[in-house]
Protein backbone atom coordinates (compact mmCIF):
# COMPACT_ATOMS: atom_id res chain seq x y z
CA MET A 1 0.00 0.00 0.00
CA VAL A 2 1.20 3.49 -0.80
CA ALA A 3 -0.33 5.86 1.69
CA GLY A 4 -0.55 9.46 0.67
CA VAL A 5 0.41 9.00 -2.96
CA ILE A 6 -0.67 12.51 -3.88
CA THR A 7 1.15 14.15 -0.99
CA LYS A 8 4.43 12.32 -1.69
CA ARG A 9 5.15 13.90 -5.04
CA SER A 10 7.86 16.22 -6.15
CA THR A 11 7.82 18.82 -8.86
CA PRO A 12 9.65 18.77 -12.17
CA ARG A 13 13.30 19.73 -11.75
CA SER A 14 13.69 20.88 -15.31
CA THR A 15 12.02 23.18 -17.77
CA SER A 16 13.21 20.93 -20.59
CA PRO A 17 10.58 19.96 -23.18
CA ARG A 18 11.29 16.36 -22.09
CA ALA A 19 10.20 17.09 -18.49
CA LEU A 20 6.70 16.24 -17.37
CA LYS A 21 4.52 19.24 -16.57
CA ALA A 22 2.86 17.35 -13.71
CA GLY A 23 4.51 16.80 -10.34
CA VAL A 24 6.56 13.64 -10.71
CA PHE A 25 7.09 10.61 -8.49
CA ASP A 26 10.84 10.33 -8.09
CA PRO A 27 11.46 7.51 -8.34
CA PRO A 28 8.31 6.10 -9.95
CA HIS A 29 6.76 3.23 -8.02
CA GLN A 30 4.08 0.60 -8.52
CA ALA A 31 0.53 1.98 -8.45
CA PRO A 32 -1.60 0.37 -5.73
CA GLY A 33 -3.94 -2.22 -7.18
CA PHE A 34 -7.69 -2.32 -6.70
CA THR A 35 -10.79 -4.03 -8.02
CA LEU A 36 -13.99 -2.00 -8.35
CA ARG A 37 -17.24 -2.37 -10.30
CA GLY A 38 -16.99 -0.65 -13.66
CA SER A 39 -19.53 1.50 -15.43
CA ASP A 40 -19.01 -0.81 -18.40
CA GLY A 41 -20.28 -3.80 -16.39
CA SER A 42 -16.91 -5.43 -15.72
CA ASP A 43 -14.31 -5.24 -12.98
CA VAL A 44 -12.02 -2.23 -13.12
CA THR A 45 -8.43 -3.08 -12.26
CA LEU A 46 -5.16 -1.44 -13.22
CA ALA A 47 -3.97 -4.80 -14.58
CA ARG A 48 -6.83 -4.68 -17.10
CA TYR A 49 -5.31 -1.53 -18.60
CA ARG A 50 -1.65 -2.57 -18.51
CA GLY A 51 -0.07 -1.33 -21.73
CA LYS A 52 -2.06 1.92 -21.63
CA VAL A 53 -1.38 5.20 -19.88
CA VAL A 54 -4.01 5.48 -17.14
CA LEU A 55 -5.34 8.83 -15.97
CA LEU A 56 -6.91 8.10 -12.58
CA THR A 57 -9.23 10.72 -11.15
CA PHE A 58 -11.75 10.84 -8.33
CA GLY A 59 -15.07 12.67 -8.38
CA PHE A 60 -18.84 12.41 -8.42
CA THR A 61 -21.52 12.82 -11.05
CA HIS A 62 -23.45 15.51 -9.18
CA CYS A 63 -20.40 17.79 -9.08
CA ALA A 64 -21.19 21.22 -10.48
CA THR A 65 -17.81 22.46 -11.69
CA VAL A 66 -14.52 20.70 -10.91
CA CYS A 67 -15.44 17.18 -12.05
CA PRO A 68 -17.05 18.09 -15.38
CA THR A 69 -14.20 20.52 -16.09
CA THR A 70 -11.64 17.79 -15.38
CA LEU A 71 -13.45 15.26 -17.57
CA ALA A 72 -13.87 17.76 -20.41
CA THR A 73 -10.15 18.59 -20.21
CA LEU A 74 -9.19 14.90 -20.33
CA ALA A 75 -11.58 14.25 -23.22
CA GLN A 76 -10.10 17.15 -25.17
CA ALA A 77 -6.55 15.96 -24.47
CA ARG A 78 -7.40 12.42 -25.59
CA ALA A 79 -9.06 13.71 -28.78
CA THR A 80 -6.08 15.98 -29.52
CA LEU A 81 -3.76 12.96 -29.37
CA GLY A 82 -5.59 11.31 -32.27
CA ALA A 83 -4.73 7.62 -32.73
CA PRO A 84 -2.29 7.56 -29.77
CA GLY A 85 -5.28 8.54 -27.61
CA ASN A 86 -6.43 4.93 -27.94
CA SER A 87 -3.51 4.06 -25.67
CA VAL A 88 -4.94 6.23 -22.87
CA GLN A 89 -7.56 5.10 -20.35
CA VAL A 90 -9.37 7.48 -18.02
CA ILE A 91 -10.69 5.83 -14.86
CA TYR A 92 -13.12 7.96 -12.86
CA VAL A 93 -13.48 6.63 -9.29
CA THR A 94 -16.58 7.88 -7.50
CA VAL A 95 -16.42 9.51 -4.09
CA ASP A 96 -20.24 9.29 -3.88
CA PRO A 97 -21.31 5.63 -4.12
CA ALA A 98 -24.77 6.41 -2.74
CA ARG A 99 -25.71 8.23 -5.95
CA ASP A 100 -23.12 7.00 -8.45
CA THR A 101 -24.26 3.58 -9.57
CA ALA A 102 -22.39 1.92 -12.42
CA GLU A 103 -25.31 2.61 -14.76
CA HIS A 104 -25.56 6.27 -13.77
CA MET A 105 -21.81 6.73 -14.21
CA ARG A 106 -21.91 5.13 -17.66
CA GLY A 107 -24.47 7.68 -18.87
CA TYR A 108 -22.60 10.56 -17.29
CA LEU A 109 -19.16 9.63 -18.65
CA THR A 110 -20.44 8.88 -22.16
CA ALA A 111 -21.21 12.59 -22.52
CA PHE A 112 -17.47 13.28 -22.26
CA ASP A 113 -15.85 10.29 -23.98
CA ARG A 114 -17.22 6.80 -24.62
CA SER A 115 -13.90 5.24 -23.60
CA PHE A 116 -13.96 6.68 -20.07
CA VAL A 117 -14.69 4.08 -17.40
CA GLY A 118 -16.31 4.83 -14.07
CA ALA A 119 -15.49 2.81 -10.98
CA THR A 120 -17.76 2.31 -7.99
CA GLY A 121 -18.20 -0.19 -5.21
CA ALA A 122 -18.97 -0.60 -1.55
CA PRO A 123 -18.15 2.49 0.54
CA GLU A 124 -15.42 0.55 2.38
CA ALA A 125 -13.75 -0.53 -0.88
CA LEU A 126 -13.80 3.02 -2.24
CA ALA A 127 -12.44 4.39 1.05
CA SER A 128 -9.56 1.91 0.81
CA VAL A 129 -8.70 3.03 -2.73
CA ARG A 130 -8.87 6.69 -1.70
CA LYS A 131 -6.55 6.00 1.23
CA GLN A 132 -4.05 4.16 -0.99
CA TYR A 133 -3.91 7.15 -3.34
CA GLY A 134 -3.99 9.88 -0.68
CA VAL A 135 -7.38 11.16 -1.80
CA THR A 136 -9.79 12.78 0.65
CA ALA A 137 -13.56 13.05 0.29
CA VAL A 138 -15.98 14.67 2.73
CA LYS A 139 -19.75 14.98 2.40
CA GLN A 140 -20.98 18.57 2.65
CA GLY A 141 -24.60 19.36 3.37
CA SER A 142 -27.56 17.08 3.78
CA GLY A 143 -30.59 15.96 1.85
CA ALA A 144 -30.57 15.15 -1.84
CA ASP A 145 -28.50 18.21 -2.79
CA TYR A 146 -25.36 17.43 -0.78
CA ALA A 147 -21.94 17.90 -2.32
CA MET A 148 -18.62 16.13 -1.88
CA ALA A 149 -15.44 18.06 -1.16
CA HIS A 150 -12.61 15.92 -2.55
CA THR A 151 -9.08 15.86 -3.88
CA SER A 152 -9.21 16.96 -7.51
CA SER A 153 -5.79 15.92 -8.83
CA ILE A 154 -5.31 13.50 -11.73
CA ILE A 155 -2.85 10.65 -11.24
CA LEU A 156 -0.79 9.57 -14.27
CA ILE A 157 0.14 5.87 -14.38
CA ASP A 158 2.44 4.61 -17.12
CA ARG A 159 1.96 1.56 -19.36
CA GLY A 160 3.79 -0.65 -16.88
CA GLY A 161 1.54 0.30 -13.95
CA MET A 162 4.01 2.71 -12.36
CA LEU A 163 2.96 5.94 -10.68
CA ARG A 164 4.67 8.62 -12.72
CA ALA A 165 3.03 11.95 -11.93
CA VAL A 166 0.12 13.84 -10.47
CA MET A 167 -1.48 16.83 -12.19
CA PRO A 168 -3.40 19.28 -10.01
CA PHE A 169 -6.79 20.55 -11.14
CA GLY A 170 -6.69 23.49 -13.52
CA HIS A 171 -4.15 22.41 -16.12
CA GLU A 172 -4.93 22.86 -19.79
CA PRO A 173 -5.48 19.92 -22.17
CA ALA A 174 -2.12 20.75 -23.81
CA ASP A 175 -0.32 19.93 -20.55
CA PHE A 176 -1.91 16.49 -20.47
CA VAL A 177 -1.13 15.95 -24.16
CA HIS A 178 2.51 16.83 -23.49
CA ASP A 179 2.84 14.46 -20.53
CA ILE A 180 0.90 11.62 -22.15
CA LYS A 181 3.12 11.79 -25.24
CA LEU A 182 6.19 11.44 -23.01
CA LEU A 183 4.64 8.48 -21.18
CA LEU A 184 3.73 6.79 -24.47
CA GLU A 185 7.35 6.89 -25.71
């Protein structure tokens, strides 16, 4: 288990075009494994996507701004890549399993990119994955209109399943394109 993955990152040491724009894991290390229920009806595991660059992000479908902005950014980056974009997999892990069923997530994610896969499961399983990746999530409010305050960074995992970088919310699609191209080399 890698506790606090997001908090144990460093920043790029170089402004070289070959340097990742995201904060890098130095050295890279194995991404913690997990098995969750996928929005596509199958199990979501990192092993399933070995050979692809995985962009792992956490959010919820009732999010008003950060989550849809993140997903739109990732969809635009993937589209900009063209054919190499087929070697990229976005996994969207819910922080709100009470409302984010696999079916609901499938409909939500399809609006951004049909290849995006949502991941849900029992609250305990999701809490374990969040802990392994250093992601926090706290319910805010009550009733049907509650929100979830959560870590909004995107974790970049290379084709071999190694944690390579973490990109904070707010980066442009071009930054993801740049880093994905380097990880696909």
